[in-house]
Amino acid sequence: MNSRSNTFNQQLQSAWASQGSMLCVGFDPDPKRLPASFQGKPEGIFEFCREIADATADLVCAFKPQFAYFASQRAEAQLEKLIRHLKDKHPHIPVILDSKRGDIGSTADHYALEAFERYGADAVTVNPYMGFDTIEPYLKYAGKGVIVLCRTSNPGGSDLQFLNISSGEPLYLHVAKLAAQKWNSSGQISLVVGATFPEEIAKVRAIVGDMPLLIPGIGAQGGDIDATIKAGRIPNAPGTGMIINSSRAILYASAGSDFAQAARDVAQSTRDALRAAAAK
């Protein structure tokens, strides 16, 4: 059965099981860092990302294109082409459009249409700062994933996310509770929690149960794999529950003609390290 007919969470469960991996490869294509053979080519961004995808597809549970890297280069058509390629060649791997949208009303309706109809993503990242109004339009798309920023991996995230609210709990935990208990009418909401804050991952996991967590911050950002797995694991369900993203460490493992093999080597070593940590 084609996994595309299932919900985002079902796609994830299937990918975790069939791939034996919690690794997500993120596509952050910076033209200045592409191998020389792709620089200046009309579809160089697409071709580079396609090669990385095909080299790593058997090692991952998800792919995550970062919208800004394509839009800044007027490469939205290449993003559309990349996602079509991923669905055609690797239909068992869900695709997350990382755009972190955060608006309300008819504007959010159009952002949802963009993510799910124009690009055909299986899930999208959203910013909840304006409340449920920013989440609701995406929930209208049956089966599509909505991944809410909760505790992000950047140092500046603490400026707001760690502030205590009137109940005495930090804002990021309040977001986790809202997402898990009040907003999740579709059953397809997930949360972003950064690997750079494993103690906070554990606190979020305690609140949200088996809700999937998208965890950036390993690789170039230095998040610790063992600490991340220990904090985010679902009891009695090793190898599930987390979509652990690495982008730059994999994409730019080499700038030479061996870039795809080098990316595969880093992806495989990362997947293996995740497996080993989950088995402890």
Protein backbone atom coordinates (compact mmCIF):
# COMPACT_ATOMS: atom_id res chain seq x y z
CA MET A 1 0.00 0.00 0.00
CA ASN A 2 1.29 3.48 -0.84
CA SER A 3 2.16 5.26 2.41
CA ARG A 4 1.00 8.54 0.87
CA SER A 5 -2.61 7.45 1.46
CA ASN A 6 -1.96 7.31 5.19
CA THR A 7 -1.75 10.06 7.78
CA PHE A 8 1.55 11.71 8.60
CA ASN A 9 1.81 9.81 11.87
CA GLN A 10 1.15 6.52 10.11
CA GLN A 11 3.83 7.37 7.55
CA LEU A 12 6.26 8.02 10.40
CA GLN A 13 5.42 4.78 12.18
CA SER A 14 5.92 2.87 8.95
CA ALA A 15 9.23 4.63 8.21
CA TRP A 16 10.59 4.07 11.72
CA ALA A 17 9.79 0.37 11.39
CA SER A 18 10.89 -0.26 7.80
CA GLN A 19 13.96 1.98 7.82
CA GLY A 20 15.14 1.26 11.36
CA SER A 21 16.05 4.93 11.57
CA MET A 22 15.09 8.10 13.38
CA LEU A 23 17.35 10.25 11.17
CA CYS A 24 15.87 13.08 9.10
CA VAL A 25 17.97 14.68 6.37
CA GLY A 26 17.33 18.40 6.04
CA PHE A 27 17.84 20.24 2.77
CA ASP A 28 19.42 23.67 3.39
CA PRO A 29 21.01 24.31 -0.03
CA ASP A 30 23.42 27.26 0.22
CA PRO A 31 24.69 28.09 -3.31
CA LYS A 32 28.07 29.15 -1.93
CA ARG A 33 28.63 25.71 -0.42
CA LEU A 34 27.48 23.54 -3.32
CA PRO A 35 30.08 21.55 -5.25
CA ALA A 36 31.42 23.58 -8.16
CA SER A 37 29.64 21.40 -10.71
CA PHE A 38 26.26 22.69 -9.45
CA GLN A 39 27.05 26.36 -8.99
CA GLY A 40 25.47 28.62 -11.58
CA LYS A 41 23.38 25.85 -13.13
CA PRO A 42 19.69 26.73 -13.70
CA GLU A 43 18.57 23.66 -11.71
CA GLY A 44 21.72 23.17 -9.66
CA ILE A 45 19.92 23.33 -6.31
CA PHE A 46 17.41 20.67 -7.34
CA GLU A 47 20.09 18.42 -8.83
CA PHE A 48 22.29 18.66 -5.72
CA CYS A 49 19.40 17.90 -3.36
CA ARG A 50 18.20 15.06 -5.57
CA GLU A 51 21.61 13.41 -5.43
CA ILE A 52 21.75 13.74 -1.64
CA ALA A 53 18.23 12.33 -1.32
CA ASP A 54 18.92 9.34 -3.52
CA ALA A 55 22.17 8.62 -1.67
CA THR A 56 20.56 8.66 1.78
CA ALA A 57 16.96 7.52 1.27
CA ASP A 58 17.48 4.06 2.77
CA LEU A 59 18.94 5.60 5.94
CA VAL A 60 16.23 8.07 6.98
CA CYS A 61 12.70 8.31 8.37
CA ALA A 62 11.97 11.74 6.83
CA PHE A 63 13.24 14.48 4.54
CA LYS A 64 12.98 18.16 5.51
CA PRO A 65 13.46 20.89 2.88
CA GLN A 66 13.96 24.33 4.45
CA PHE A 67 11.80 26.77 2.50
CA ALA A 68 13.93 29.90 2.93
CA TYR A 69 16.97 28.35 1.27
CA PHE A 70 14.94 27.80 -1.89
CA ALA A 71 12.90 31.01 -1.83
CA SER A 72 15.94 33.27 -1.36
CA GLN A 73 17.39 31.88 -4.60
CA ARG A 74 14.11 32.13 -6.53
CA ALA A 75 14.18 28.34 -6.54
CA GLU A 76 10.60 27.58 -5.50
CA ALA A 77 10.08 25.67 -8.76
CA GLN A 78 13.12 23.56 -7.88
CA LEU A 79 11.59 22.88 -4.46
CA GLU A 80 8.38 21.70 -6.12
CA LYS A 81 10.42 19.49 -8.42
CA LEU A 82 12.43 18.10 -5.49
CA ILE A 83 9.32 17.14 -3.53
CA ARG A 84 7.81 15.51 -6.62
CA HIS A 85 11.01 13.52 -6.99
CA LEU A 86 10.96 12.46 -3.35
CA LYS A 87 7.37 11.27 -3.66
CA ASP A 88 7.99 9.47 -6.95
CA LYS A 89 11.24 7.74 -6.00
CA HIS A 90 10.93 7.41 -2.22
CA PRO A 91 7.19 7.33 -1.49
CA HIS A 92 7.66 5.62 1.88
CA ILE A 93 9.57 8.62 3.30
CA PRO A 94 7.44 11.53 4.59
CA VAL A 95 8.39 15.05 3.54
CA ILE A 96 8.33 17.93 6.05
CA LEU A 97 8.26 21.46 4.66
CA ASP A 98 10.19 23.53 7.18
CA SER A 99 8.73 27.01 6.75
CA LYS A 100 7.81 27.96 10.34
CA ARG A 101 4.75 29.94 9.26
CA GLY A 102 2.94 31.91 11.95
CA ASP A 103 0.00 33.99 10.76
CA ILE A 104 -3.78 33.99 11.18
CA GLY A 105 -7.01 34.05 9.23
CA SER A 106 -7.04 34.01 5.46
CA THR A 107 -3.26 34.45 5.38
CA ALA A 108 -2.77 31.19 7.29
CA ASP A 109 -5.28 29.53 4.95
CA HIS A 110 -3.00 30.43 2.05
CA TYR A 111 0.13 29.27 3.85
CA ALA A 112 -1.58 25.92 4.43
CA LEU A 113 -2.59 25.73 0.77
CA GLU A 114 1.00 26.54 -0.20
CA ALA A 115 2.46 23.76 1.96
CA PHE A 116 -0.03 21.00 1.21
CA GLU A 117 -1.37 21.75 -2.26
CA ARG A 118 1.36 23.67 -4.07
CA TYR A 119 4.30 21.74 -2.62
CA GLY A 120 2.49 18.57 -1.59
CA ALA A 121 4.31 18.25 1.72
CA ASP A 122 3.19 15.66 4.25
CA ALA A 123 3.81 18.02 7.18
CA VAL A 124 4.74 21.63 7.83
CA THR A 125 6.40 23.49 10.70
CA VAL A 126 4.43 26.37 12.24
CA ASN A 127 5.04 29.07 14.85
CA PRO A 128 2.36 29.17 17.59
CA TYR A 129 3.16 32.64 18.95
CA MET A 130 -0.23 34.03 17.80
CA GLY A 131 -2.14 31.13 19.33
CA PHE A 132 -4.51 28.50 17.98
CA ASP A 133 -5.54 30.81 15.12
CA THR A 134 -2.15 30.07 13.55
CA ILE A 135 -2.60 26.30 13.86
CA GLU A 136 -6.24 25.72 12.92
CA PRO A 137 -6.05 26.29 9.12
CA TYR A 138 -3.50 23.49 8.75
CA LEU A 139 -5.67 21.04 10.68
CA LYS A 140 -8.32 21.26 7.95
CA TYR A 141 -6.10 19.11 5.74
CA ALA A 142 -6.95 15.58 6.82
CA GLY A 143 -3.94 13.46 7.62
CA LYS A 144 -1.37 16.22 7.20
CA GLY A 145 1.18 16.82 9.92
CA VAL A 146 1.43 20.11 11.81
CA ILE A 147 4.73 20.47 13.67
CA VAL A 148 4.59 23.23 16.27
CA LEU A 149 7.67 25.08 17.51
CA CYS A 150 8.01 24.37 21.22
CA ARG A 151 11.59 24.49 22.54
CA THR A 152 13.88 25.44 19.69
CA SER A 153 17.58 24.62 19.42
CA ASN A 154 18.87 28.19 19.05
CA PRO A 155 20.29 29.98 22.13
CA GLY A 156 17.94 32.95 21.67
CA GLY A 157 14.92 30.69 22.02
CA SER A 158 15.28 31.09 25.79
CA ASP A 159 14.46 34.81 25.47
CA LEU A 160 10.75 33.91 25.30
CA GLN A 161 10.32 30.15 25.53
CA PHE A 162 11.75 29.88 29.02
CA LEU A 163 9.74 32.73 30.52
CA ASN A 164 7.38 31.68 33.30
CA ILE A 165 3.70 32.37 32.68
CA SER A 166 1.02 33.01 35.31
CA SER A 167 0.75 29.32 36.21
CA GLY A 168 4.44 29.32 37.06
CA GLU A 169 5.51 27.03 34.24
CA PRO A 170 7.75 28.10 31.34
CA LEU A 171 6.06 29.09 28.12
CA TYR A 172 7.44 26.16 26.12
CA LEU A 173 5.79 23.65 28.48
CA HIS A 174 2.51 25.54 28.19
CA VAL A 175 2.79 25.23 24.41
CA ALA A 176 3.44 21.49 24.80
CA LYS A 177 0.30 21.10 26.92
CA LEU A 178 -1.85 23.09 24.51
CA ALA A 179 -0.57 21.11 21.54
CA ALA A 180 -1.09 17.73 23.18
CA GLN A 181 -4.32 18.35 25.08
CA LYS A 182 -6.31 21.12 23.39
CA TRP A 183 -5.15 21.78 19.83
CA ASN A 184 -4.61 18.25 18.54
CA SER A 185 -8.06 17.67 17.08
CA SER A 186 -6.59 15.98 13.99
CA GLY A 187 -4.25 13.72 15.94
CA GLN A 188 -1.45 14.86 13.62
CA ILE A 189 0.29 17.55 15.68
CA SER A 190 3.95 17.12 16.56
CA LEU A 191 6.42 19.40 18.33
CA VAL A 192 9.86 20.85 17.60
CA VAL A 193 12.22 20.44 20.56
CA GLY A 194 15.93 21.08 20.08
CA ALA A 195 18.66 18.54 20.82
CA THR A 196 20.70 21.29 22.45
CA PHE A 197 18.35 21.18 25.47
CA PRO A 198 17.97 17.49 26.46
CA GLU A 199 16.52 18.28 29.89
CA GLU A 200 13.72 20.19 28.19
CA ILE A 201 13.15 17.32 25.75
CA ALA A 202 12.52 15.04 28.73
CA LYS A 203 10.05 17.49 30.27
CA VAL A 204 8.15 17.80 26.99
CA ARG A 205 8.07 14.02 26.51
CA ALA A 206 6.58 13.61 29.99
CA ILE A 207 3.72 15.92 28.99
CA VAL A 208 2.97 14.76 25.43
CA GLY A 209 3.25 10.98 25.76
CA ASP A 210 4.02 9.32 22.43
CA MET A 211 3.54 12.45 20.28
CA PRO A 212 6.31 12.65 17.63
CA LEU A 213 9.09 15.15 18.27
CA LEU A 214 11.07 16.81 15.50
CA ILE A 215 14.49 17.33 17.03
CA PRO A 216 17.01 19.59 15.28
CA GLY A 217 20.39 20.43 16.71
CA ILE A 218 22.63 17.40 16.26
CA GLY A 219 25.45 17.62 13.74
CA ALA A 220 26.54 21.19 13.07
CA GLN A 221 24.74 22.55 16.15
CA GLY A 222 26.45 20.08 18.48
CA GLY A 223 23.53 18.34 20.18
CA ASP A 224 24.53 15.16 22.03
CA ILE A 225 23.02 12.01 20.53
CA ASP A 226 23.03 9.87 23.67
CA ALA A 227 21.48 12.62 25.79
CA THR A 228 18.87 13.35 23.11
CA ILE A 229 17.79 9.73 22.77
CA LYS A 230 17.64 9.20 26.53
CA ALA A 231 15.50 12.32 26.97
CA GLY A 232 13.13 11.83 24.05
CA ARG A 233 12.61 8.10 23.89
CA ILE A 234 9.19 6.54 24.34
CA PRO A 235 9.30 3.88 27.06
CA ASN A 236 9.05 0.36 25.61
CA ALA A 237 9.21 1.72 22.04
CA PRO A 238 12.88 2.19 21.13
CA GLY A 239 13.59 3.56 17.68
CA THR A 240 10.37 5.56 17.47
CA GLY A 241 8.94 8.88 18.60
CA MET A 242 11.69 11.13 17.29
CA ILE A 243 12.55 12.70 13.92
CA ILE A 244 16.17 13.70 14.55
CA ASN A 245 17.34 16.14 11.93
CA SER A 246 20.79 16.76 10.54
CA SER A 247 21.26 19.13 7.63
CA ARG A 248 24.60 20.83 7.06
CA ALA A 249 26.78 18.05 8.50
CA ILE A 250 25.37 15.69 5.87
CA LEU A 251 24.85 18.06 2.93
CA TYR A 252 28.33 19.51 3.04
CA ALA A 253 30.34 16.47 4.08
CA SER A 254 32.37 17.07 0.92
CA ALA A 255 32.49 19.79 -1.73
CA GLY A 256 34.14 17.48 -4.23
CA SER A 257 32.85 15.03 -6.78
CA ASP A 258 32.37 12.50 -3.96
CA PHE A 259 29.78 14.74 -2.22
CA ALA A 260 26.93 12.22 -2.47
CA GLN A 261 28.98 9.31 -1.09
CA ALA A 262 30.39 11.53 1.65
CA ALA A 263 26.85 12.61 2.57
CA ARG A 264 25.79 8.98 2.68
CA ASP A 265 28.74 8.07 4.90
CA VAL A 266 27.87 10.80 7.44
CA ALA A 267 24.18 9.92 7.31
CA GLN A 268 24.96 6.24 7.90
CA SER A 269 27.26 6.93 10.82
CA THR A 270 24.64 9.26 12.33
CA ARG A 271 21.87 6.72 11.87
CA ASP A 272 24.07 4.04 13.44
CA ALA A 273 24.87 6.29 16.40
CA LEU A 274 21.15 6.93 16.90
CA ARG A 275 20.44 3.19 16.75
CA ALA A 276 23.18 2.44 19.26
CA ALA A 277 21.89 5.07 21.66
CA ALA A 278 18.32 3.75 21.36
CA ALA A 279 19.50 0.24 22.11
CA LYS A 280 21.10 1.19 25.43
